[in-house]
């Protein structure tokens, strides 16, 4: 009787199955090279450029008040005109990009770090899950804008206060996302095997649980970034954001709304930049979601 030789598949490490890194990079590249995504990346690059080089690009000191040239239209000296205090609108719009990017990046970073820590703990430890999630549900029941206004009113208007006020309503959303991922992987065989082998809890979380949250966190981070920029503008427009003397897109629109019929550019210029920035970040977030979707492996 002839011997039958069976070739066994190569052994794999539990929990490491998935798309190869090269295929992940290929998927991301294929997704990000689409027309709308390239336009979004260009817009964001322009915003980052003007924010970083604002001290060299501005034509007039954005804080300089000159009543003799108040509410002037576009001119060679003032490229976007002046506001009710005679301040150069072009320079203020440039510096407003700095505030928006700092708020967006800061809120996204704080929300991701805090939400990740709380979400992993809530998802892994069953006894604390109910307590944490009831607290998160309570925070989510309060409208984010109202909660941010209340926090700013209690602490005073400053850039850091605004960032904290916007971060607090965003954390519960990140916690719920991370918790759902942890709940789906904590009963996986490789996690149970690690527990049976006596792996320390912290090592188990960092090696087997946290890496599974990275892809959804990246996508969520883009949406938090865009939401934070928009929320800061709303707070500043309502007078509950950064101090009025600080150049931010929300402040510029708030001060220019009374003169909209005379000089609509006071509202339109920062409003257009704000809309393009938020739209570009959302488009990039959608593209990242498509590229990092686990179901992508079926198409590769």
C-alpha atoms as a PDB file:
ATOM      1  CA  UNK A   1       0.000   0.000   0.000  1.00  0.00           C
ATOM      2  CA  UNK A   2       1.467   3.317  -1.042  1.00  0.00           C
ATOM      3  CA  UNK A   3       2.345   5.787   1.639  1.00  0.00           C
ATOM      4  CA  UNK A   4       0.262   8.926   1.556  1.00  0.00           C
ATOM      5  CA  UNK A   5       2.183  12.066   2.375  1.00  0.00           C
ATOM      6  CA  UNK A   6       0.158  14.923   3.748  1.00  0.00           C
ATOM      7  CA  UNK A   7       1.559  18.438   3.769  1.00  0.00           C
ATOM      8  CA  UNK A   8       0.382  20.336   6.794  1.00  0.00           C
ATOM      9  CA  UNK A   9      -0.044  24.095   6.629  1.00  0.00           C
ATOM     10  CA  UNK A  10       2.520  26.204   8.384  1.00  0.00           C
ATOM     11  CA  UNK A  11       1.772  26.900  12.003  1.00  0.00           C
ATOM     12  CA  UNK A  12       0.360  30.287  12.796  1.00  0.00           C
ATOM     13  CA  UNK A  13       0.381  32.253  15.991  1.00  0.00           C
ATOM     14  CA  UNK A  14      -3.135  32.562  17.427  1.00  0.00           C
ATOM     15  CA  UNK A  15      -4.542  36.009  17.096  1.00  0.00           C
ATOM     16  CA  UNK A  16      -2.079  37.085  14.424  1.00  0.00           C
ATOM     17  CA  UNK A  17      -4.147  35.951  11.447  1.00  0.00           C
ATOM     18  CA  UNK A  18      -5.226  38.732   9.161  1.00  0.00           C
ATOM     19  CA  UNK A  19      -4.076  40.781   6.256  1.00  0.00           C
ATOM     20  CA  UNK A  20      -0.350  40.841   5.663  1.00  0.00           C
ATOM     21  CA  UNK A  21       1.317  44.216   6.328  1.00  0.00           C
ATOM     22  CA  UNK A  22       2.226  44.574   2.656  1.00  0.00           C
ATOM     23  CA  UNK A  23      -1.412  44.061   1.672  1.00  0.00           C
ATOM     24  CA  UNK A  24      -2.557  46.544   4.316  1.00  0.00           C
ATOM     25  CA  UNK A  25      -0.183  49.151   2.930  1.00  0.00           C
ATOM     26  CA  UNK A  26      -1.395  48.372  -0.573  1.00  0.00           C
ATOM     27  CA  UNK A  27      -5.032  48.721   0.492  1.00  0.00           C
ATOM     28  CA  UNK A  28      -4.358  52.054   2.174  1.00  0.00           C
ATOM     29  CA  UNK A  29      -2.460  53.305  -0.860  1.00  0.00           C
ATOM     30  CA  UNK A  30      -5.205  52.221  -3.248  1.00  0.00           C
ATOM     31  CA  UNK A  31      -7.846  53.911  -1.095  1.00  0.00           C
ATOM     32  CA  UNK A  32      -5.958  57.147  -0.504  1.00  0.00           C
ATOM     33  CA  UNK A  33      -5.071  57.773  -4.140  1.00  0.00           C
ATOM     34  CA  UNK A  34      -8.677  58.485  -5.137  1.00  0.00           C
ATOM     35  CA  UNK A  35      -9.568  61.923  -6.466  1.00  0.00           C
ATOM     36  CA  UNK A  36     -11.626  63.229  -3.491  1.00  0.00           C
ATOM     37  CA  UNK A  37      -9.031  61.968  -1.031  1.00  0.00           C
ATOM     38  CA  UNK A  38      -6.177  63.656  -2.889  1.00  0.00           C
ATOM     39  CA  UNK A  39      -8.117  66.920  -2.922  1.00  0.00           C
ATOM     40  CA  UNK A  40      -8.765  66.568   0.802  1.00  0.00           C
ATOM     41  CA  UNK A  41      -5.100  65.898   1.484  1.00  0.00           C
ATOM     42  CA  UNK A  42      -4.185  68.975  -0.558  1.00  0.00           C
ATOM     43  CA  UNK A  43      -6.629  71.162   1.377  1.00  0.00           C
ATOM     44  CA  UNK A  44      -5.301  69.889   4.700  1.00  0.00           C
ATOM     45  CA  UNK A  45      -1.729  70.431   3.536  1.00  0.00           C
ATOM     46  CA  UNK A  46      -2.579  74.039   2.670  1.00  0.00           C
ATOM     47  CA  UNK A  47      -4.229  74.603   6.070  1.00  0.00           C
ATOM     48  CA  UNK A  48      -1.244  73.103   7.889  1.00  0.00           C
ATOM     49  CA  UNK A  49       1.116  75.216   5.778  1.00  0.00           C
ATOM     50  CA  UNK A  50      -0.635  78.515   6.508  1.00  0.00           C
ATOM     51  CA  UNK A  51      -0.938  77.627  10.195  1.00  0.00           C
ATOM     52  CA  UNK A  52       2.751  76.763  10.537  1.00  0.00           C
ATOM     53  CA  UNK A  53       4.047  79.687   8.477  1.00  0.00           C
ATOM     54  CA  UNK A  54       1.493  82.265   9.656  1.00  0.00           C
ATOM     55  CA  UNK A  55       4.179  84.473  11.302  1.00  0.00           C
ATOM     56  CA  UNK A  56       5.878  84.825   7.915  1.00  0.00           C
ATOM     57  CA  UNK A  57       2.774  84.966   5.713  1.00  0.00           C
ATOM     58  CA  UNK A  58       0.727  87.593   7.530  1.00  0.00           C
ATOM     59  CA  UNK A  59       0.765  91.114   6.111  1.00  0.00           C
ATOM     60  CA  UNK A  60      -0.183  93.032   9.276  1.00  0.00           C
ATOM     61  CA  UNK A  61      -0.100  92.196  12.978  1.00  0.00           C
ATOM     62  CA  UNK A  62      -3.429  90.374  13.555  1.00  0.00           C
ATOM     63  CA  UNK A  63      -3.858  92.002  16.968  1.00  0.00           C
ATOM     64  CA  UNK A  64      -3.081  95.553  15.826  1.00  0.00           C
ATOM     65  CA  UNK A  65      -6.140  97.824  16.160  1.00  0.00           C
ATOM     66  CA  UNK A  66      -6.393 100.747  13.727  1.00  0.00           C
ATOM     67  CA  UNK A  67      -9.793 102.511  13.828  1.00  0.00           C
ATOM     68  CA  UNK A  68      -8.831 104.690  10.852  1.00  0.00           C
ATOM     69  CA  UNK A  69      -9.077 101.704   8.482  1.00  0.00           C
ATOM     70  CA  UNK A  70     -12.006  99.855  10.072  1.00  0.00           C
ATOM     71  CA  UNK A  71     -14.358  97.906   7.779  1.00  0.00           C
ATOM     72  CA  UNK A  72     -12.279  98.469   4.659  1.00  0.00           C
ATOM     73  CA  UNK A  73     -12.728  96.225   1.603  1.00  0.00           C
ATOM     74  CA  UNK A  74      -9.994  94.199  -0.061  1.00  0.00           C
ATOM     75  CA  UNK A  75      -6.927  96.282  -0.885  1.00  0.00           C
ATOM     76  CA  UNK A  76      -3.228  95.893  -1.621  1.00  0.00           C
ATOM     77  CA  UNK A  77      -2.404  96.466   2.040  1.00  0.00           C
ATOM     78  CA  UNK A  78      -5.236  94.385   3.485  1.00  0.00           C
ATOM     79  CA  UNK A  79      -5.767  91.383   1.231  1.00  0.00           C
ATOM     80  CA  UNK A  80      -9.110  90.388   2.781  1.00  0.00           C
ATOM     81  CA  UNK A  81     -10.083  93.770   4.173  1.00  0.00           C
ATOM     82  CA  UNK A  82     -10.362  94.811   7.812  1.00  0.00           C
ATOM     83  CA  UNK A  83     -12.840  94.173  10.608  1.00  0.00           C
ATOM     84  CA  UNK A  84     -14.760  96.548  12.892  1.00  0.00           C
ATOM     85  CA  UNK A  85     -11.607  97.275  14.912  1.00  0.00           C
ATOM     86  CA  UNK A  86      -9.374  97.859  11.903  1.00  0.00           C
ATOM     87  CA  UNK A  87      -7.587  94.516  12.274  1.00  0.00           C
ATOM     88  CA  UNK A  88      -6.332  92.762   9.163  1.00  0.00           C
ATOM     89  CA  UNK A  89      -8.731  89.895   8.307  1.00  0.00           C
ATOM     90  CA  UNK A  90      -6.183  87.985   6.226  1.00  0.00           C
ATOM     91  CA  UNK A  91      -3.710  87.817   9.104  1.00  0.00           C
ATOM     92  CA  UNK A  92      -6.439  86.847  11.572  1.00  0.00           C
ATOM     93  CA  UNK A  93      -7.638  84.032   9.306  1.00  0.00           C
ATOM     94  CA  UNK A  94      -4.084  82.685   9.055  1.00  0.00           C
ATOM     95  CA  UNK A  95      -3.651  82.634  12.817  1.00  0.00           C
ATOM     96  CA  UNK A  96      -7.147  81.195  13.210  1.00  0.00           C
ATOM     97  CA  UNK A  97      -5.938  78.070  11.415  1.00  0.00           C
ATOM     98  CA  UNK A  98      -3.423  77.592  14.213  1.00  0.00           C
ATOM     99  CA  UNK A  99      -6.129  77.597  16.884  1.00  0.00           C
ATOM    100  CA  UNK A 100      -8.291  75.145  14.953  1.00  0.00           C
ATOM    101  CA  UNK A 101      -5.467  72.666  14.338  1.00  0.00           C
ATOM    102  CA  UNK A 102      -4.217  72.830  17.927  1.00  0.00           C
ATOM    103  CA  UNK A 103      -7.726  72.249  19.265  1.00  0.00           C
ATOM    104  CA  UNK A 104      -8.409  69.428  16.791  1.00  0.00           C
ATOM    105  CA  UNK A 105      -5.147  67.592  17.456  1.00  0.00           C
ATOM    106  CA  UNK A 106      -5.275  68.159  21.209  1.00  0.00           C
ATOM    107  CA  UNK A 107      -8.858  66.980  21.617  1.00  0.00           C
ATOM    108  CA  UNK A 108      -8.282  63.956  19.380  1.00  0.00           C
ATOM    109  CA  UNK A 109      -5.161  62.950  21.326  1.00  0.00           C
ATOM    110  CA  UNK A 110      -6.734  63.437  24.755  1.00  0.00           C
ATOM    111  CA  UNK A 111      -9.923  61.635  23.749  1.00  0.00           C
ATOM    112  CA  UNK A 112      -8.073  58.671  22.253  1.00  0.00           C
ATOM    113  CA  UNK A 113      -5.733  58.182  25.222  1.00  0.00           C
ATOM    114  CA  UNK A 114      -8.385  58.587  27.925  1.00  0.00           C
ATOM    115  CA  UNK A 115     -11.046  56.670  26.010  1.00  0.00           C
ATOM    116  CA  UNK A 116      -8.647  53.827  25.227  1.00  0.00           C
ATOM    117  CA  UNK A 117      -7.612  53.401  28.864  1.00  0.00           C
ATOM    118  CA  UNK A 118     -11.176  53.452  30.194  1.00  0.00           C
ATOM    119  CA  UNK A 119     -12.570  51.342  27.358  1.00  0.00           C
ATOM    120  CA  UNK A 120     -10.003  48.560  27.756  1.00  0.00           C
ATOM    121  CA  UNK A 121     -10.614  48.338  31.498  1.00  0.00           C
ATOM    122  CA  UNK A 122     -14.408  48.421  31.095  1.00  0.00           C
ATOM    123  CA  UNK A 123     -14.362  45.803  28.348  1.00  0.00           C
ATOM    124  CA  UNK A 124     -12.045  43.373  30.113  1.00  0.00           C
ATOM    125  CA  UNK A 125     -13.226  43.539  33.719  1.00  0.00           C
ATOM    126  CA  UNK A 126     -16.884  42.551  33.835  1.00  0.00           C
ATOM    127  CA  UNK A 127     -17.438  43.789  37.395  1.00  0.00           C
ATOM    128  CA  UNK A 128     -16.477  47.382  36.518  1.00  0.00           C
ATOM    129  CA  UNK A 129     -18.134  47.442  33.113  1.00  0.00           C
ATOM    130  CA  UNK A 130     -21.601  48.346  34.376  1.00  0.00           C
ATOM    131  CA  UNK A 131     -20.369  51.197  36.583  1.00  0.00           C
ATOM    132  CA  UNK A 132     -18.199  52.772  33.909  1.00  0.00           C
ATOM    133  CA  UNK A 133     -20.785  52.507  31.144  1.00  0.00           C
ATOM    134  CA  UNK A 134     -23.527  54.073  33.292  1.00  0.00           C
ATOM    135  CA  UNK A 135     -21.235  57.049  33.850  1.00  0.00           C
ATOM    136  CA  UNK A 136     -20.512  57.240  30.123  1.00  0.00           C
ATOM    137  CA  UNK A 137     -24.224  57.022  29.314  1.00  0.00           C
ATOM    138  CA  UNK A 138     -24.850  59.890  31.706  1.00  0.00           C
ATOM    139  CA  UNK A 139     -22.261  62.064  29.993  1.00  0.00           C
ATOM    140  CA  UNK A 140     -23.635  61.187  26.560  1.00  0.00           C
ATOM    141  CA  UNK A 141     -27.134  62.157  27.685  1.00  0.00           C
ATOM    142  CA  UNK A 142     -25.967  65.773  28.036  1.00  0.00           C
ATOM    143  CA  UNK A 143     -25.623  67.654  24.716  1.00  0.00           C
ATOM    144  CA  UNK A 144     -21.957  68.162  24.007  1.00  0.00           C
ATOM    145  CA  UNK A 145     -22.262  71.873  23.243  1.00  0.00           C
ATOM    146  CA  UNK A 146     -24.158  72.582  26.462  1.00  0.00           C
ATOM    147  CA  UNK A 147     -21.666  70.595  28.521  1.00  0.00           C
ATOM    148  CA  UNK A 148     -18.750  72.425  26.892  1.00  0.00           C
ATOM    149  CA  UNK A 149     -20.389  75.822  27.498  1.00  0.00           C
ATOM    150  CA  UNK A 150     -20.965  74.926  31.152  1.00  0.00           C
ATOM    151  CA  UNK A 151     -17.367  73.814  31.646  1.00  0.00           C
ATOM    152  CA  UNK A 152     -15.972  76.928  29.953  1.00  0.00           C
ATOM    153  CA  UNK A 153     -18.272  79.158  32.017  1.00  0.00           C
ATOM    154  CA  UNK A 154     -17.075  77.542  35.246  1.00  0.00           C
ATOM    155  CA  UNK A 155     -13.358  77.595  34.406  1.00  0.00           C
ATOM    156  CA  UNK A 156     -13.006  80.733  32.309  1.00  0.00           C
ATOM    157  CA  UNK A 157     -12.213  81.132  28.627  1.00  0.00           C
ATOM    158  CA  UNK A 158      -8.796  79.897  27.529  1.00  0.00           C
ATOM    159  CA  UNK A 159      -7.452  77.576  24.861  1.00  0.00           C
ATOM    160  CA  UNK A 160      -6.740  74.763  27.321  1.00  0.00           C
ATOM    161  CA  UNK A 161     -10.159  75.117  28.950  1.00  0.00           C
ATOM    162  CA  UNK A 162     -11.860  74.906  25.571  1.00  0.00           C
ATOM    163  CA  UNK A 163      -9.875  71.778  24.697  1.00  0.00           C
ATOM    164  CA  UNK A 164     -10.830  70.104  27.976  1.00  0.00           C
ATOM    165  CA  UNK A 165     -14.457  71.148  27.572  1.00  0.00           C
ATOM    166  CA  UNK A 166     -14.610  69.601  24.100  1.00  0.00           C
ATOM    167  CA  UNK A 167     -12.723  66.473  25.178  1.00  0.00           C
ATOM    168  CA  UNK A 168     -15.136  65.542  27.965  1.00  0.00           C
ATOM    169  CA  UNK A 169     -18.145  64.910  25.655  1.00  0.00           C
ATOM    170  CA  UNK A 170     -15.960  63.006  23.153  1.00  0.00           C
ATOM    171  CA  UNK A 171     -14.479  60.525  25.644  1.00  0.00           C
ATOM    172  CA  UNK A 172     -17.679  58.440  26.116  1.00  0.00           C
ATOM    173  CA  UNK A 173     -17.911  57.800  22.375  1.00  0.00           C
ATOM    174  CA  UNK A 174     -14.349  56.540  22.274  1.00  0.00           C
ATOM    175  CA  UNK A 175     -14.936  54.424  25.394  1.00  0.00           C
ATOM    176  CA  UNK A 176     -17.948  52.724  23.825  1.00  0.00           C
ATOM    177  CA  UNK A 177     -15.977  51.999  20.642  1.00  0.00           C
ATOM    178  CA  UNK A 178     -12.991  50.513  22.483  1.00  0.00           C
ATOM    179  CA  UNK A 179     -15.223  48.533  24.845  1.00  0.00           C
ATOM    180  CA  UNK A 180     -17.091  46.956  21.934  1.00  0.00           C
ATOM    181  CA  UNK A 181     -13.806  45.844  20.365  1.00  0.00           C
ATOM    182  CA  UNK A 182     -12.519  44.407  23.644  1.00  0.00           C
ATOM    183  CA  UNK A 183     -15.783  42.529  24.235  1.00  0.00           C
ATOM    184  CA  UNK A 184     -15.444  40.916  20.818  1.00  0.00           C
ATOM    185  CA  UNK A 185     -11.859  39.708  21.330  1.00  0.00           C
ATOM    186  CA  UNK A 186     -11.541  38.927  25.048  1.00  0.00           C
ATOM    187  CA  UNK A 187     -13.067  35.452  24.574  1.00  0.00           C
ATOM    188  CA  UNK A 188     -10.862  34.592  21.598  1.00  0.00           C
ATOM    189  CA  UNK A 189      -8.809  31.382  22.016  1.00  0.00           C
ATOM    190  CA  UNK A 190      -5.470  33.202  21.976  1.00  0.00           C
ATOM    191  CA  UNK A 191      -6.613  35.506  24.810  1.00  0.00           C
ATOM    192  CA  UNK A 192      -7.882  32.564  26.867  1.00  0.00           C
ATOM    193  CA  UNK A 193      -4.611  30.740  26.219  1.00  0.00           C
ATOM    194  CA  UNK A 194      -2.636  33.753  27.428  1.00  0.00           C
ATOM    195  CA  UNK A 195      -4.744  33.879  30.594  1.00  0.00           C
ATOM    196  CA  UNK A 196      -4.249  30.141  31.188  1.00  0.00           C
ATOM    197  CA  UNK A 197      -0.485  30.580  30.845  1.00  0.00           C
ATOM    198  CA  UNK A 198      -0.534  33.175  33.615  1.00  0.00           C
ATOM    199  CA  UNK A 199       0.217  36.229  31.480  1.00  0.00           C
ATOM    200  CA  UNK A 200       0.072  39.387  33.636  1.00  0.00           C
ATOM    201  CA  UNK A 201      -3.056  41.423  33.033  1.00  0.00           C
ATOM    202  CA  UNK A 202      -1.205  44.527  31.863  1.00  0.00           C
ATOM    203  CA  UNK A 203       0.915  42.532  29.425  1.00  0.00           C
ATOM    204  CA  UNK A 204      -2.187  40.740  28.164  1.00  0.00           C
ATOM    205  CA  UNK A 205      -3.940  44.052  27.502  1.00  0.00           C
ATOM    206  CA  UNK A 206      -0.994  45.688  25.774  1.00  0.00           C
ATOM    207  CA  UNK A 207      -0.045  42.657  23.656  1.00  0.00           C
ATOM    208  CA  UNK A 208      -3.380  41.099  22.702  1.00  0.00           C
ATOM    209  CA  UNK A 209      -6.201  43.598  23.337  1.00  0.00           C
ATOM    210  CA  UNK A 210      -4.955  47.108  22.621  1.00  0.00           C
ATOM    211  CA  UNK A 211      -3.551  46.298  19.125  1.00  0.00           C
ATOM    212  CA  UNK A 212      -7.043  45.226  18.030  1.00  0.00           C
ATOM    213  CA  UNK A 213      -8.357  48.713  18.796  1.00  0.00           C
ATOM    214  CA  UNK A 214      -5.826  50.652  16.738  1.00  0.00           C
ATOM    215  CA  UNK A 215      -7.607  50.546  13.363  1.00  0.00           C
ATOM    216  CA  UNK A 216     -11.016  51.740  14.632  1.00  0.00           C
ATOM    217  CA  UNK A 217      -9.299  54.297  16.870  1.00  0.00           C
ATOM    218  CA  UNK A 218      -7.468  55.833  13.917  1.00  0.00           C
ATOM    219  CA  UNK A 219     -10.742  56.258  12.067  1.00  0.00           C
ATOM    220  CA  UNK A 220     -12.537  57.587  15.153  1.00  0.00           C
ATOM    221  CA  UNK A 221      -9.686  60.002  15.738  1.00  0.00           C
ATOM    222  CA  UNK A 222     -10.282  61.705  12.396  1.00  0.00           C
ATOM    223  CA  UNK A 223     -13.948  62.244  13.229  1.00  0.00           C
ATOM    224  CA  UNK A 224     -13.081  63.595  16.687  1.00  0.00           C
ATOM    225  CA  UNK A 225     -10.553  65.926  15.052  1.00  0.00           C
ATOM    226  CA  UNK A 226     -13.177  67.349  12.692  1.00  0.00           C
ATOM    227  CA  UNK A 227     -15.834  67.547  15.402  1.00  0.00           C
ATOM    228  CA  UNK A 228     -13.456  69.393  17.739  1.00  0.00           C
ATOM    229  CA  UNK A 229     -12.638  72.023  15.120  1.00  0.00           C
ATOM    230  CA  UNK A 230     -16.324  72.607  14.457  1.00  0.00           C
ATOM    231  CA  UNK A 231     -17.237  72.672  18.153  1.00  0.00           C
ATOM    232  CA  UNK A 232     -14.500  75.206  18.930  1.00  0.00           C
ATOM    233  CA  UNK A 233     -15.811  77.461  16.173  1.00  0.00           C
ATOM    234  CA  UNK A 234     -19.361  77.152  17.526  1.00  0.00           C
ATOM    235  CA  UNK A 235     -18.233  77.948  21.070  1.00  0.00           C
ATOM    236  CA  UNK A 236     -16.238  80.962  19.894  1.00  0.00           C
ATOM    237  CA  UNK A 237     -19.145  82.121  17.744  1.00  0.00           C
ATOM    238  CA  UNK A 238     -21.399  81.967  20.819  1.00  0.00           C
ATOM    239  CA  UNK A 239     -18.850  83.838  22.918  1.00  0.00           C
ATOM    240  CA  UNK A 240     -17.983  80.819  25.084  1.00  0.00           C
ATOM    241  CA  UNK A 241     -14.777  79.793  23.344  1.00  0.00           C
ATOM    242  CA  UNK A 242     -11.270  81.212  23.289  1.00  0.00           C
ATOM    243  CA  UNK A 243     -10.861  84.854  24.413  1.00  0.00           C
ATOM    244  CA  UNK A 244     -12.162  87.416  21.887  1.00  0.00           C
ATOM    245  CA  UNK A 245      -8.685  88.876  21.326  1.00  0.00           C
ATOM    246  CA  UNK A 246      -7.454  85.472  20.122  1.00  0.00           C
ATOM    247  CA  UNK A 247      -7.663  85.011  16.371  1.00  0.00           C
ATOM    248  CA  UNK A 248      -9.912  82.017  15.697  1.00  0.00           C
ATOM    249  CA  UNK A 249     -12.300  81.344  12.870  1.00  0.00           C
ATOM    250  CA  UNK A 250     -15.257  81.309  15.254  1.00  0.00           C
ATOM    251  CA  UNK A 251     -14.313  84.667  16.769  1.00  0.00           C
ATOM    252  CA  UNK A 252     -13.838  86.249  13.342  1.00  0.00           C
ATOM    253  CA  UNK A 253     -17.287  85.098  12.206  1.00  0.00           C
ATOM    254  CA  UNK A 254     -18.897  86.164  15.488  1.00  0.00           C
ATOM    255  CA  UNK A 255     -17.497  89.667  15.235  1.00  0.00           C
ATOM    256  CA  UNK A 256     -18.302  89.956  11.533  1.00  0.00           C
ATOM    257  CA  UNK A 257     -21.926  88.810  11.625  1.00  0.00           C
ATOM    258  CA  UNK A 258     -23.149  92.309  12.570  1.00  0.00           C
ATOM    259  CA  UNK A 259     -21.560  93.672   9.386  1.00  0.00           C
ATOM    260  CA  UNK A 260     -22.490  90.820   7.064  1.00  0.00           C
ATOM    261  CA  UNK A 261     -24.513  92.985   4.675  1.00  0.00           C
ATOM    262  CA  UNK A 262     -21.698  95.530   4.436  1.00  0.00           C
ATOM    263  CA  UNK A 263     -18.745  93.108   4.246  1.00  0.00           C
ATOM    264  CA  UNK A 264     -19.914  89.488   3.893  1.00  0.00           C
ATOM    265  CA  UNK A 265     -16.299  88.361   3.618  1.00  0.00           C
ATOM    266  CA  UNK A 266     -15.875  88.803   7.373  1.00  0.00           C
ATOM    267  CA  UNK A 267     -18.035  85.708   7.778  1.00  0.00           C
ATOM    268  CA  UNK A 268     -17.458  83.953   4.471  1.00  0.00           C
ATOM    269  CA  UNK A 269     -13.659  83.797   4.439  1.00  0.00           C
ATOM    270  CA  UNK A 270     -13.185  81.973   7.768  1.00  0.00           C
ATOM    271  CA  UNK A 271     -16.418  80.045   7.177  1.00  0.00           C
ATOM    272  CA  UNK A 272     -15.195  78.649   3.866  1.00  0.00           C
ATOM    273  CA  UNK A 273     -11.865  77.599   5.359  1.00  0.00           C
ATOM    274  CA  UNK A 274     -13.632  76.001   8.308  1.00  0.00           C
ATOM    275  CA  UNK A 275     -16.008  74.078   6.042  1.00  0.00           C
ATOM    276  CA  UNK A 276     -13.239  72.885   3.730  1.00  0.00           C
ATOM    277  CA  UNK A 277     -11.092  71.730   6.635  1.00  0.00           C
ATOM    278  CA  UNK A 278     -13.871  69.782   8.343  1.00  0.00           C
ATOM    279  CA  UNK A 279     -15.031  68.284   5.052  1.00  0.00           C
ATOM    280  CA  UNK A 280     -11.496  67.239   4.120  1.00  0.00           C
ATOM    281  CA  UNK A 281     -10.905  65.540   7.468  1.00  0.00           C
ATOM    282  CA  UNK A 282     -14.213  63.664   7.181  1.00  0.00           C
ATOM    283  CA  UNK A 283     -13.400  62.497   3.656  1.00  0.00           C
ATOM    284  CA  UNK A 284      -9.999  61.306   4.840  1.00  0.00           C
ATOM    285  CA  UNK A 285     -11.661  59.514   7.757  1.00  0.00           C
ATOM    286  CA  UNK A 286     -14.032  57.697   5.405  1.00  0.00           C
ATOM    287  CA  UNK A 287     -11.089  56.652   3.249  1.00  0.00           C
ATOM    288  CA  UNK A 288      -9.169  55.360   6.254  1.00  0.00           C
ATOM    289  CA  UNK A 289     -12.237  53.423   7.389  1.00  0.00           C
ATOM    290  CA  UNK A 290     -12.456  51.717   4.004  1.00  0.00           C
ATOM    291  CA  UNK A 291      -8.729  50.950   3.968  1.00  0.00           C
ATOM    292  CA  UNK A 292      -8.659  49.516   7.493  1.00  0.00           C
ATOM    293  CA  UNK A 293     -11.914  47.567   7.218  1.00  0.00           C
ATOM    294  CA  UNK A 294     -11.135  43.921   8.138  1.00  0.00           C
ATOM    295  CA  UNK A 295     -13.441  42.793   5.344  1.00  0.00           C
ATOM    296  CA  UNK A 296     -10.902  44.254   2.963  1.00  0.00           C
ATOM    297  CA  UNK A 297      -8.945  41.012   3.309  1.00  0.00           C
ATOM    298  CA  UNK A 298     -11.643  39.228   1.325  1.00  0.00           C
ATOM    299  CA  UNK A 299     -11.018  41.482  -1.635  1.00  0.00           C
ATOM    300  CA  UNK A 300      -7.224  41.229  -1.558  1.00  0.00           C
END
